[in-house]
N, C-alpha and C. Protein backbone atom coordinates (compact mmCIF):
# COMPACT_ATOMS: atom_id res chain seq x y z
N UNK A 1 184.38 202.82 158.76
CA UNK A 1 185.60 203.39 158.58
C UNK A 1 186.17 203.88 159.87
N UNK A 2 187.07 203.54 160.38
CA UNK A 2 188.08 204.45 161.15
C UNK A 2 187.90 205.89 161.13
N UNK A 3 187.95 206.69 162.36
CA UNK A 3 188.61 207.84 162.46
C UNK A 3 189.27 208.76 163.23
N UNK A 4 190.54 209.07 162.56
CA UNK A 4 191.63 209.59 163.81
C UNK A 4 191.01 210.54 164.42
N UNK A 5 191.32 210.76 166.03
CA UNK A 5 190.45 212.01 166.90
C UNK A 5 191.58 212.89 167.03
N UNK A 6 192.71 212.18 166.46
CA UNK A 6 194.35 213.35 167.32
C UNK A 6 195.08 213.11 165.80
N UNK A 7 195.35 214.39 165.57
CA UNK A 7 196.18 214.40 164.43
C UNK A 7 198.00 213.51 164.45
N UNK A 8 198.28 213.11 163.51
CA UNK A 8 199.48 212.38 163.38
C UNK A 8 200.50 213.48 163.65
N UNK A 9 201.57 213.25 164.20
CA UNK A 9 202.84 214.46 164.34
C UNK A 9 203.39 214.31 162.96
N UNK A 10 204.15 215.47 162.62
CA UNK A 10 204.45 215.87 161.20
C UNK A 10 205.13 214.86 160.43
N UNK A 11 205.96 214.03 161.11
CA UNK A 11 206.87 213.59 160.59
C UNK A 11 205.85 212.10 160.07
N UNK A 12 205.04 212.10 160.41
CA UNK A 12 204.42 210.49 160.41
C UNK A 12 202.98 211.05 159.45
N UNK A 13 202.66 212.00 158.84
CA UNK A 13 201.53 212.74 158.28
C UNK A 13 201.40 211.76 157.26
N UNK A 14 202.21 211.51 156.40
CA UNK A 14 201.86 210.94 155.25
C UNK A 14 202.66 209.37 154.85
N UNK A 15 203.00 208.80 156.54
CA UNK A 15 203.40 207.43 156.51
C UNK A 15 202.39 206.42 156.11
N UNK A 16 202.64 205.17 156.06
CA UNK A 16 202.33 203.86 155.60
C UNK A 16 202.16 203.17 156.76
N UNK A 17 201.37 202.28 156.95
CA UNK A 17 201.25 201.51 158.25
C UNK A 17 202.73 200.83 158.35
N UNK A 18 202.77 200.07 156.86
CA UNK A 18 204.18 199.74 157.07
C UNK A 18 205.70 200.41 157.93
N UNK A 19 205.20 201.61 157.28
CA UNK A 19 206.55 202.47 157.76
C UNK A 19 206.54 202.66 159.18
N UNK A 20 205.49 202.63 159.52
CA UNK A 20 205.19 203.28 161.14
C UNK A 20 205.67 201.64 161.83
N UNK A 21 204.52 200.84 161.39
CA UNK A 21 205.29 199.64 162.02
C UNK A 21 206.92 199.70 162.22
N UNK A 22 207.36 200.05 160.97
CA UNK A 22 209.14 199.22 161.02
C UNK A 22 209.35 200.24 162.07
N UNK A 23 209.23 201.42 162.36
CA UNK A 23 209.64 202.50 162.78
C UNK A 23 209.56 202.30 164.55
N UNK A 24 208.34 201.82 164.71
CA UNK A 24 207.51 201.57 166.02
C UNK A 24 207.73 200.10 166.84
N UNK A 25 208.11 199.68 165.96
CA UNK A 25 208.05 197.85 166.73
C UNK A 25 209.38 197.78 167.09
N UNK A 26 209.54 197.32 168.49
CA UNK A 26 211.18 196.99 168.86
C UNK A 26 211.13 195.65 169.34
N UNK A 27 212.14 194.49 169.01
CA UNK A 27 212.18 193.18 169.43
C UNK A 27 213.22 192.73 169.90
N UNK A 28 213.27 191.90 171.38
CA UNK A 28 213.90 192.12 171.95
C UNK A 28 215.22 191.01 171.65
N UNK A 29 214.91 190.55 171.07
CA UNK A 29 216.21 189.77 169.79
C UNK A 29 216.63 190.69 169.05
N UNK A 30 216.31 192.03 168.89
CA UNK A 30 217.13 192.44 167.94
C UNK A 30 217.99 193.64 168.97
N UNK A 31 218.01 193.40 170.34
CA UNK A 31 218.60 194.56 171.13
C UNK A 31 219.78 193.98 171.46
N UNK A 32 220.81 194.90 171.85
CA UNK A 32 222.11 194.16 172.09
C UNK A 32 222.13 194.95 173.21
N UNK A 33 223.07 193.81 174.26
CA UNK A 33 223.31 193.93 175.50
C UNK A 33 224.20 195.03 175.53
N UNK A 34 223.69 196.60 176.35
CA UNK A 34 224.93 197.53 176.53
C UNK A 34 225.19 197.26 178.07
N UNK A 35 226.54 196.96 178.07
CA UNK A 35 227.34 196.67 179.47
C UNK A 35 227.80 197.98 179.91
N UNK A 36 227.97 198.87 178.77
CA UNK A 36 228.84 200.38 179.36
C UNK A 36 227.89 201.37 179.03
N UNK A 37 226.46 200.72 179.54
CA UNK A 37 225.70 202.73 179.05
C UNK A 37 225.53 203.45 180.41
N UNK A 38 226.22 202.66 181.47
CA UNK A 38 226.28 203.91 182.39
C UNK A 38 227.70 203.82 182.95
N UNK A 39 228.18 205.02 183.43
CA UNK A 39 229.48 205.36 184.51
C UNK A 39 230.08 204.30 185.29
N UNK A 40 228.97 204.05 186.07
CA UNK A 40 229.06 203.15 187.51
C UNK A 40 228.85 201.66 187.07
N UNK A 41 228.70 201.42 185.91
CA UNK A 41 228.46 199.69 185.46
C UNK A 41 230.24 199.33 185.09
N UNK A 42 230.74 199.95 185.44
CA UNK A 42 232.76 199.45 185.25
C UNK A 42 232.70 199.01 186.53
N UNK A 43 232.05 199.09 187.71
CA UNK A 43 232.53 199.31 189.26
C UNK A 43 231.82 197.68 189.46
N UNK A 44 232.93 196.96 189.97
CA UNK A 44 231.90 195.68 190.67
C UNK A 44 230.65 195.92 191.29
N UNK A 45 229.95 195.26 191.63
CA UNK A 45 228.74 195.74 192.33
C UNK A 45 227.62 196.41 191.94
N UNK A 46 227.91 196.96 190.51
CA UNK A 46 227.44 197.79 189.64
C UNK A 46 226.98 196.98 188.26
N UNK A 47 227.39 196.54 187.79
CA UNK A 47 227.40 195.93 186.39
C UNK A 47 226.21 195.02 185.92
N UNK A 48 225.74 195.58 185.04
CA UNK A 48 224.33 195.36 184.38
C UNK A 48 224.20 195.89 182.88
N UNK A 49 223.41 195.43 182.50
CA UNK A 49 223.32 195.21 180.89
C UNK A 49 221.47 195.61 180.59
N UNK A 50 221.70 196.68 179.76
CA UNK A 50 220.93 197.38 179.49
C UNK A 50 220.03 197.17 177.68
N UNK A 51 219.35 196.77 177.79
CA UNK A 51 218.47 196.59 176.29
C UNK A 51 217.44 197.90 176.60
N UNK A 52 217.88 198.68 175.28
CA UNK A 52 217.07 200.07 175.41
C UNK A 52 216.12 199.33 173.80
N UNK A 53 215.07 199.75 174.34
CA UNK A 53 213.90 199.66 173.46
C UNK A 53 213.36 201.32 172.71
N UNK A 54 213.06 202.05 173.69
CA UNK A 54 212.65 203.74 173.17
C UNK A 54 213.52 204.50 173.86
N UNK A 55 214.18 205.28 172.85
CA UNK A 55 214.71 206.16 173.26
C UNK A 55 216.04 206.09 172.75
N UNK A 56 217.26 207.18 172.98
CA UNK A 56 218.80 206.84 173.06
C UNK A 56 219.14 206.30 173.59
N UNK A 57 220.56 205.72 174.00
CA UNK A 57 221.05 204.37 174.05
C UNK A 57 221.35 204.74 175.71
N UNK A 58 222.34 204.11 176.46
CA UNK A 58 222.45 204.69 177.95
C UNK A 58 222.25 206.07 178.55
N UNK A 59 222.52 205.67 179.72
CA UNK A 59 222.14 207.40 180.37
C UNK A 59 222.49 208.29 179.74
N UNK A 60 222.18 209.23 178.92
CA UNK A 60 223.11 210.03 177.79
C UNK A 60 223.12 209.85 176.53
N UNK A 61 223.65 208.40 176.43
CA UNK A 61 224.01 207.82 174.98
C UNK A 61 223.01 208.21 174.32
N UNK A 62 224.01 208.37 172.60
CA UNK A 62 222.77 208.57 171.81
C UNK A 62 223.40 207.28 170.06
N UNK A 63 222.73 207.31 169.39
CA UNK A 63 222.82 206.10 168.33
C UNK A 63 222.52 204.69 167.96
N UNK A 64 221.49 204.31 168.86
CA UNK A 64 220.94 203.18 169.05
C UNK A 64 219.78 203.22 167.70
N UNK A 65 220.46 202.74 166.40
CA UNK A 65 219.68 202.66 165.38
C UNK A 65 218.63 201.54 165.43
N UNK A 66 218.58 200.77 166.81
CA UNK A 66 217.45 199.50 166.52
C UNK A 66 216.50 200.44 167.32
N UNK A 67 216.38 201.68 167.90
CA UNK A 67 215.50 202.00 169.49
C UNK A 67 214.57 202.42 168.85
N UNK A 68 213.19 202.58 169.16
CA UNK A 68 212.33 203.10 168.83
C UNK A 68 212.74 204.80 168.97
N UNK A 69 212.55 205.91 168.34
CA UNK A 69 212.53 206.90 168.55
C UNK A 69 211.41 207.30 169.81
N UNK A 70 212.29 208.16 171.00
CA UNK A 70 211.85 208.55 171.45
C UNK A 70 210.78 210.05 171.66
N UNK A 71 209.55 210.03 172.22
CA UNK A 71 209.06 211.33 172.08
C UNK A 71 209.19 211.66 173.79
N UNK A 72 208.07 211.27 174.59
CA UNK A 72 207.87 211.72 175.96
C UNK A 72 208.38 210.87 176.98
N UNK A 73 209.56 209.95 176.42
CA UNK A 73 209.78 209.02 177.63
C UNK A 73 210.97 207.58 176.95
N UNK A 74 211.51 207.11 177.84
CA UNK A 74 212.72 206.28 177.32
C UNK A 74 211.73 204.87 177.95
N UNK A 75 212.06 203.56 177.35
CA UNK A 75 212.33 202.75 178.03
C UNK A 75 213.21 201.34 177.61
N UNK A 76 213.64 200.83 178.97
CA UNK A 76 214.78 199.92 178.54
C UNK A 76 214.71 198.32 179.61
N UNK A 77 215.01 197.33 178.72
CA UNK A 77 215.39 196.46 179.94
C UNK A 77 216.24 196.14 180.21
N UNK A 78 216.36 196.08 181.60
CA UNK A 78 217.89 195.74 182.53
C UNK A 78 217.71 194.30 182.73
N UNK A 79 218.88 193.78 182.43
CA UNK A 79 219.48 192.23 182.92
C UNK A 79 220.49 192.62 184.34
N UNK A 80 220.11 192.10 185.47
CA UNK A 80 220.83 192.33 186.36
C UNK A 80 221.46 190.90 187.09
N UNK A 81 222.92 190.68 187.43
CA UNK A 81 223.19 189.45 188.12
C UNK A 81 222.87 189.41 189.37
N UNK A 82 223.02 188.55 190.35
CA UNK A 82 222.69 188.27 191.68
C UNK A 82 224.34 189.20 191.89
N UNK A 83 224.02 190.01 193.20
CA UNK A 83 225.13 190.72 193.78
C UNK A 83 225.15 192.01 192.99
N UNK A 84 224.81 192.63 192.01
CA UNK A 84 225.03 193.73 190.93
C UNK A 84 223.67 194.41 191.66
N UNK A 85 223.94 195.60 191.27
CA UNK A 85 223.15 196.73 191.44
C UNK A 85 223.37 198.12 190.64
N UNK A 86 223.35 199.08 190.88
CA UNK A 86 223.34 200.62 190.57
C UNK A 86 223.86 201.01 191.78
N UNK A 87 224.42 202.26 191.24
CA UNK A 87 224.89 203.43 192.57
C UNK A 87 223.77 204.51 192.88
N UNK A 88 223.39 204.91 193.86
CA UNK A 88 222.43 205.76 194.25
C UNK A 88 222.48 207.02 193.31
N UNK A 89 221.38 207.56 192.99
CA UNK A 89 221.17 208.61 191.91
C UNK A 89 220.04 209.16 191.94
N UNK A 90 219.94 210.68 191.19
CA UNK A 90 219.03 210.87 190.80
C UNK A 90 218.86 211.79 189.47
N UNK A 91 217.34 211.85 188.73
CA UNK A 91 217.24 212.52 187.94
C UNK A 91 216.63 213.30 188.01
N UNK A 92 216.31 214.33 186.36
CA UNK A 92 215.74 215.42 186.66
C UNK A 92 214.56 215.09 186.61
N UNK A 93 213.92 213.86 185.76
CA UNK A 93 212.45 213.20 185.92
C UNK A 93 212.01 212.01 186.69
N UNK A 94 211.06 211.24 186.67
CA UNK A 94 211.03 210.63 187.51
C UNK A 94 211.27 209.20 186.70
N UNK A 95 211.43 208.33 187.83
CA UNK A 95 212.45 206.67 187.21
C UNK A 95 211.35 205.73 187.18
N UNK A 96 210.89 204.81 186.60
CA UNK A 96 209.77 203.48 186.95
C UNK A 96 211.02 202.42 186.87
N UNK A 97 211.04 201.56 188.06
CA UNK A 97 211.14 200.29 188.05
C UNK A 97 209.93 199.49 188.13
N UNK A 98 210.29 198.45 187.36
CA UNK A 98 208.91 197.44 187.02
C UNK A 98 209.34 195.97 186.65
N UNK A 99 209.60 195.22 188.07
CA UNK A 99 210.02 193.62 187.69
C UNK A 99 209.31 192.79 186.90
N UNK A 100 210.01 192.33 185.93
CA UNK A 100 209.27 191.28 185.05
C UNK A 100 209.48 189.76 185.59
N UNK A 101 210.87 189.63 185.70
CA UNK A 101 211.57 188.07 186.43
C UNK A 101 212.50 188.67 187.90
N UNK A 102 211.94 187.77 188.50
CA UNK A 102 213.22 187.78 189.41
C UNK A 102 212.99 188.65 190.95
N UNK A 103 213.53 188.80 191.40
CA UNK A 103 213.46 189.83 193.14
C UNK A 103 214.48 190.70 192.57
N UNK A 104 214.01 192.30 193.22
CA UNK A 104 214.58 193.69 192.99
C UNK A 104 214.38 194.16 194.34
N UNK A 105 216.11 194.36 195.04
CA UNK A 105 215.78 195.05 196.28
C UNK A 105 216.27 196.99 195.61
N UNK A 106 214.79 197.73 195.58
CA UNK A 106 215.25 199.00 195.47
C UNK A 106 215.10 199.72 196.80
N UNK A 107 215.83 201.21 196.79
CA UNK A 107 216.11 201.93 197.98
C UNK A 107 215.61 203.34 197.40
N UNK A 108 215.25 204.24 198.27
CA UNK A 108 215.09 205.26 198.14
C UNK A 108 216.22 206.11 199.60
N UNK A 109 217.03 207.08 199.38
CA UNK A 109 217.44 207.97 200.70
C UNK A 109 217.27 209.08 200.84
N UNK A 110 217.44 209.86 201.97
CA UNK A 110 217.31 211.22 202.04
C UNK A 110 219.45 211.80 202.10
N UNK A 111 219.09 212.82 201.82
CA UNK A 111 220.71 213.62 202.01
C UNK A 111 221.16 212.98 203.25
N UNK A 112 220.69 212.91 204.48
CA UNK A 112 221.18 212.68 205.25
C UNK A 112 221.64 211.29 205.50
N UNK A 113 221.19 210.20 204.43
CA UNK A 113 222.13 208.94 204.66
C UNK A 113 220.86 208.11 204.70
N UNK A 114 219.62 208.42 205.58
CA UNK A 114 218.97 207.56 205.76
C UNK A 114 218.32 206.74 204.39
N UNK A 115 218.00 205.72 204.73
CA UNK A 115 217.80 204.73 203.55
C UNK A 115 216.53 203.65 204.00
N UNK A 116 215.60 203.70 203.26
CA UNK A 116 214.70 202.82 202.74
C UNK A 116 214.58 201.87 201.83
N UNK A 117 214.33 200.51 201.68
CA UNK A 117 214.59 199.91 200.94
C UNK A 117 213.35 198.76 200.68
N UNK A 118 212.74 198.66 199.76
CA UNK A 118 211.66 197.79 199.19
C UNK A 118 211.91 196.84 198.35
N UNK A 119 211.74 195.57 198.84
CA UNK A 119 211.75 194.20 198.22
C UNK A 119 210.47 194.25 196.69
N UNK A 120 211.07 194.10 195.74
CA UNK A 120 209.91 193.52 194.69
C UNK A 120 210.02 192.67 193.76
N UNK A 121 208.97 191.99 193.37
CA UNK A 121 208.89 190.92 192.85
C UNK A 121 208.46 191.10 191.53
N UNK A 122 208.08 190.24 190.53
CA UNK A 122 207.06 190.39 189.37
C UNK A 122 206.01 190.99 189.13
N UNK A 123 206.09 191.36 188.58
CA UNK A 123 204.99 192.17 188.49
C UNK A 123 204.75 193.76 189.40
N UNK A 124 205.76 193.72 190.14
CA UNK A 124 205.73 195.08 191.06
C UNK A 124 206.59 196.10 190.96
N UNK A 125 206.18 197.39 190.97
CA UNK A 125 207.32 198.75 190.38
C UNK A 125 207.44 199.89 191.79
N UNK A 126 208.27 200.30 191.26
CA UNK A 126 208.26 201.65 192.08
C UNK A 126 208.78 202.93 190.85
N UNK A 127 207.93 203.84 191.24
CA UNK A 127 208.11 205.42 190.36
C UNK A 127 209.03 206.05 191.55
N UNK A 128 210.49 206.63 191.30
CA UNK A 128 211.07 207.18 191.56
C UNK A 128 210.65 208.64 191.92
N UNK A 129 210.42 209.54 192.15
CA UNK A 129 210.41 211.38 191.63
C UNK A 129 211.43 211.86 191.41
N UNK A 130 210.95 212.87 190.65
CA UNK A 130 212.33 213.51 190.19
C UNK A 130 212.96 214.01 191.21
N UNK A 131 214.69 214.44 192.05
CA UNK A 131 215.33 214.74 192.43
C UNK A 131 215.47 213.63 193.88
N UNK A 132 214.49 212.60 194.04
CA UNK A 132 214.82 211.42 195.39
C UNK A 132 215.89 210.75 194.91
N UNK A 133 216.86 210.55 196.00
CA UNK A 133 217.90 209.29 195.61
C UNK A 133 217.35 208.48 195.63
N UNK A 134 217.87 207.20 194.41
CA UNK A 134 217.56 205.77 194.58
C UNK A 134 218.29 205.34 193.80
N UNK A 135 217.97 203.63 194.37
CA UNK A 135 219.00 202.86 193.34
C UNK A 135 217.71 201.52 193.65
N UNK A 136 219.15 200.40 193.24
CA UNK A 136 218.43 199.09 193.78
C UNK A 136 219.75 198.01 193.54
N UNK A 137 219.62 196.90 194.24
CA UNK A 137 220.55 195.63 193.92
C UNK A 137 219.64 194.12 193.86
N UNK A 138 220.45 193.38 193.27
CA UNK A 138 220.28 192.12 193.02
C UNK A 138 220.58 191.54 194.62
N UNK A 139 219.92 191.06 195.25
CA UNK A 139 220.26 190.19 196.49
C UNK A 139 219.91 188.61 196.74
N UNK A 140 219.22 188.59 195.01
CA UNK A 140 218.77 187.07 195.19
C UNK A 140 220.10 186.28 194.63
N UNK A 141 219.76 184.98 194.32
CA UNK A 141 220.39 184.06 193.98
C UNK A 141 220.12 183.99 192.13
N UNK A 142 218.89 184.89 191.60
CA UNK A 142 218.77 184.35 190.22
C UNK A 142 218.94 186.00 189.64
N UNK A 143 219.08 185.86 188.73
CA UNK A 143 218.78 186.55 187.94
C UNK A 143 217.43 187.58 187.62
N UNK A 144 217.61 189.35 187.43
CA UNK A 144 216.58 189.60 187.57
C UNK A 144 216.36 190.32 186.19
N UNK A 145 215.39 190.74 185.55
CA UNK A 145 214.76 191.52 184.76
C UNK A 145 214.01 192.21 185.42
N UNK A 146 213.82 193.61 184.80
CA UNK A 146 213.18 194.24 185.05
C UNK A 146 213.12 195.55 183.49
N UNK A 147 211.75 196.27 183.82
CA UNK A 147 211.73 197.63 182.80
C UNK A 147 212.27 198.88 183.56
N UNK A 148 212.24 199.56 182.83
CA UNK A 148 212.91 200.78 183.46
C UNK A 148 212.52 202.23 182.55
N UNK A 149 211.44 202.99 182.57
CA UNK A 149 211.21 204.18 182.20
C UNK A 149 211.57 205.21 182.74
N UNK A 150 211.82 206.19 182.11
CA UNK A 150 212.20 207.27 182.45
C UNK A 150 210.95 208.47 181.88
N UNK A 151 210.77 209.62 182.33
CA UNK A 151 209.95 210.37 181.76
C UNK A 151 210.20 211.85 181.11
N UNK A 152 211.34 211.45 180.22
CA UNK A 152 211.66 212.47 178.89
C UNK A 152 211.79 211.36 177.84
N UNK A 153 212.58 211.90 176.86
CA UNK A 153 212.85 211.18 175.72
C UNK A 153 214.24 211.28 175.81
N UNK A 154 214.61 212.19 175.95
CA UNK A 154 216.24 212.36 176.08
C UNK A 154 216.73 212.76 177.63
N UNK A 155 216.31 211.90 178.53
CA UNK A 155 217.08 212.39 179.84
C UNK A 155 218.75 213.09 180.06
N UNK A 156 218.95 213.77 180.66
CA UNK A 156 220.25 214.01 181.40
C UNK A 156 220.78 212.86 182.02
N UNK A 157 222.39 212.96 181.92
CA UNK A 157 223.05 211.91 182.55
C UNK A 157 223.10 211.68 184.47
N UNK A 158 222.90 210.96 184.35
CA UNK A 158 222.22 210.63 186.33
C UNK A 158 223.38 211.43 186.91
N UNK A 159 222.32 211.50 187.83
CA UNK A 159 222.96 212.55 188.99
C UNK A 159 223.41 211.67 190.31
N UNK A 160 224.57 210.83 189.79
CA UNK A 160 225.01 210.19 191.32
C UNK A 160 225.37 210.70 192.32
N UNK A 161 224.72 210.57 193.42
CA UNK A 161 225.40 210.86 194.85
C UNK A 161 226.79 210.71 195.54
N UNK A 162 227.44 210.05 194.81
CA UNK A 162 228.95 209.59 194.97
C UNK A 162 229.64 210.59 194.29
N UNK A 163 230.11 211.68 194.97
CA UNK A 163 231.23 212.78 194.15
C UNK A 163 231.62 212.73 193.40
N UNK A 164 232.64 211.24 193.77
CA UNK A 164 233.77 210.82 192.63
C UNK A 164 232.72 210.68 191.05
N UNK A 165 231.67 209.79 191.02
CA UNK A 165 231.20 209.24 190.53
C UNK A 165 230.37 210.09 189.42
N UNK A 166 229.73 211.18 190.18
CA UNK A 166 229.33 212.21 189.82
C UNK A 166 230.08 212.64 188.57
N UNK A 167 231.76 213.19 189.42
CA UNK A 167 232.13 213.82 188.93
C UNK A 167 232.80 213.27 187.19
N UNK A 168 232.67 212.38 186.64
CA UNK A 168 233.07 211.26 185.43
C UNK A 168 231.37 210.85 185.23
N UNK A 169 230.40 211.34 185.74
CA UNK A 169 229.24 210.62 185.07
C UNK A 169 228.88 210.51 183.81
N UNK A 170 229.77 211.28 183.02
CA UNK A 170 229.88 211.36 181.72
C UNK A 170 230.81 210.66 180.76
N UNK A 171 231.86 210.38 181.56
CA UNK A 171 232.72 209.75 180.84
C UNK A 171 232.46 208.24 180.18
N UNK A 172 231.12 207.66 180.18
CA UNK A 172 230.98 206.10 179.53
C UNK A 172 230.08 206.60 177.93
N UNK A 173 230.05 208.13 177.94
CA UNK A 173 229.52 208.42 176.18
C UNK A 173 230.99 208.99 175.42
N UNK A 174 232.47 208.67 176.04
CA UNK A 174 233.50 208.72 174.85
C UNK A 174 233.20 207.47 173.93
N UNK A 175 233.74 208.30 172.77
CA UNK A 175 233.83 207.17 171.83
C UNK A 175 234.48 205.70 171.90
N UNK A 176 234.20 204.69 171.24
CA UNK A 176 234.89 203.43 171.78
C UNK A 176 234.57 203.25 173.39
N UNK A 177 233.24 203.24 173.92
CA UNK A 177 233.16 202.81 175.11
C UNK A 177 232.21 202.12 175.33
N UNK A 178 231.64 201.42 174.32
CA UNK A 178 230.24 200.88 174.21
C UNK A 178 230.81 198.80 174.41
N UNK A 179 231.75 199.00 174.51
CA UNK A 179 232.18 197.57 174.72
C UNK A 179 232.24 196.81 176.28
N UNK A 180 231.90 195.43 175.87
CA UNK A 180 231.46 195.24 177.58
C UNK A 180 232.55 195.20 178.50
N UNK A 181 231.99 195.23 179.25
CA UNK A 181 232.91 195.59 180.18
C UNK A 181 233.85 194.47 181.36
């Protein structure tokens, strides 16, 4: 006989194994590519698709009923075509990029504009600490898939380094803005 050494959360106290599996298993085939998950994704050079597995929708979005409910973190798979990436930004928590397929140039920078870039390949990652400006570009000839984790179940909207993007950082949350760009 097995013994659970830690109690289940209140919402799962009386749940069957089938109920738990039904709520906490997510398959790629059931994910919808969200090409409007982020405000900067509307801009050429920053277009990318998010496939949310754990947590709410895109950065601050809510309502993906297929996603596993978040607790302490979010998890997504990003698809980025060559020549695309994202805008320099920060988060209130750490963010991890873990490359699954392809090559990704990630960067960290300081507030004086000094940038350090690192090229990551399959099974390599970077963890950007809270408050550190960071981002990525796909400068290769092939698409890249990578995993993104944020250290909070419902993170705040990205803190874009660019003032204009920062001012409209929540515009992608407006109703009807979930269509492909």
